[in-house]
Every structure is written in structure tokens, then in C-alpha cells.
Protein backbone atom coordinates (compact mmCIF):
# COMPACT_ATOMS: atom_id res chain seq x y z
CA MET A 1 -124.63 -86.94 -50.21
CA LYS A 2 -122.55 -89.93 -51.24
CA ILE A 3 -123.73 -93.46 -50.64
CA PHE A 4 -121.01 -96.07 -50.22
CA ILE A 5 -122.38 -99.44 -51.22
CA GLU A 6 -120.27 -102.44 -52.03
CA ARG A 7 -121.85 -104.44 -54.83
CA HIS A 8 -120.59 -107.83 -53.58
CA LYS A 9 -122.48 -107.55 -50.28
CA LYS A 10 -126.16 -108.10 -49.47
CA TYR A 11 -127.98 -105.43 -47.49
CA LEU A 12 -131.03 -105.32 -45.25
CA LEU A 13 -133.36 -102.38 -45.86
CA GLY A 14 -135.76 -101.21 -43.17
CA LEU A 15 -138.77 -100.54 -45.40
CA SER A 16 -141.35 -98.37 -43.64
CA GLY A 17 -143.35 -97.62 -46.77
CA GLY A 18 -142.48 -93.93 -46.55
CA ALA A 19 -140.89 -91.88 -49.31
CA ASP A 20 -137.29 -92.22 -48.10
CA SER A 21 -137.19 -95.99 -47.73
CA VAL A 22 -139.16 -96.55 -50.96
CA ALA A 23 -136.73 -94.30 -52.85
CA LEU A 24 -133.80 -96.28 -51.45
CA PHE A 25 -135.61 -99.52 -52.39
CA HIS A 26 -135.82 -98.35 -56.01
CA TYR A 27 -132.22 -97.12 -55.99
CA LEU A 28 -130.96 -100.51 -54.82
CA LYS A 29 -133.19 -102.41 -57.24
CA ASN A 30 -132.33 -100.22 -60.24
CA ASN A 31 -128.61 -100.56 -59.54
CA ASN A 32 -128.71 -104.36 -59.16
CA ILE A 33 -127.59 -104.25 -55.54
CA SER A 34 -128.49 -107.33 -53.54
CA PHE A 35 -130.84 -106.64 -50.62
CA SER A 36 -133.80 -107.88 -48.66
CA CYS A 37 -136.31 -105.92 -46.59
CA VAL A 38 -137.80 -105.87 -43.13
CA HIS A 39 -141.02 -104.06 -42.23
CA VAL A 40 -142.10 -103.49 -38.63
CA VAL A 41 -145.82 -103.14 -37.94
CA HIS A 42 -146.33 -101.32 -34.67
CA GLY A 43 -150.05 -100.62 -34.74
CA ASN A 44 -153.37 -102.02 -35.81
CA THR A 45 -155.01 -99.05 -37.51
CA GLU A 46 -156.21 -98.90 -41.10
CA TYR A 47 -153.07 -96.85 -41.92
CA HIS A 48 -150.79 -99.61 -40.62
CA LYS A 49 -152.72 -102.27 -42.55
CA LYS A 50 -152.52 -100.30 -45.81
CA THR A 51 -148.83 -99.58 -45.31
CA GLU A 52 -148.10 -103.27 -44.71
CA GLU A 53 -150.09 -104.22 -47.82
CA PHE A 54 -148.19 -101.62 -49.89
CA VAL A 55 -144.81 -102.90 -48.66
CA ARG A 56 -145.78 -106.54 -49.26
CA ASN A 57 -146.91 -105.76 -52.81
CA LEU A 58 -143.83 -103.68 -53.57
CA CYS A 59 -141.52 -106.50 -52.54
CA LYS A 60 -143.57 -109.24 -54.18
CA ASN A 61 -143.82 -107.39 -57.49
CA ASN A 62 -140.05 -106.83 -57.49
CA ASN A 63 -139.03 -110.30 -56.26
CA VAL A 64 -137.42 -108.91 -53.12
CA GLU A 65 -137.41 -110.98 -49.93
CA LEU A 66 -139.43 -109.42 -47.11
CA GLU A 67 -139.71 -110.17 -43.39
CA VAL A 68 -142.66 -108.57 -41.59
CA ARG A 69 -142.51 -108.27 -37.81
CA LYS A 70 -145.47 -107.18 -35.71
CA ILE A 71 -144.94 -105.67 -32.29
CA GLU A 72 -147.37 -104.32 -29.74
CA LEU A 73 -146.65 -100.97 -28.15
CA GLN A 74 -148.05 -100.25 -24.74
């Protein structure tokens, strides 16, 4: 699979905390591609809290901007 990324643009990564989005996070970071992240919290379980904490720490430790949005599902 080829990924077409233009280095002069800034991207927004939907960072769920799962393997795929974390791998893409590291790919972008390691290749000096400009990006920021958004994480959507759609639950209030211990899993969701730990995932949010992981994502926050990942971005903070790598100096990547992060927006966290919380939504309630009915």
C-alpha cells in the first residue's frame, strides 16, 4: 500500500489509541510530517479513561497538538 503525503501540508490524525492509528502517528512523527491529533471519547468506562490517558501522554511526550472531544451516545 502506498501512502501519498505531501510534506508541505499539515494533517489531522484521528487517534483512537489502537494499533493502526498509533502506527500512523509514529510514521508521521518519524518522517517529520506536520500533523495534529483528535481523539473522540464516546464512553465513560475504565477502558475509555485509560485510552484517553494513553493518547494524551503519547501526544504530550511527542509535542503533538491534541484535541479531545467527548460525546455521549444514547
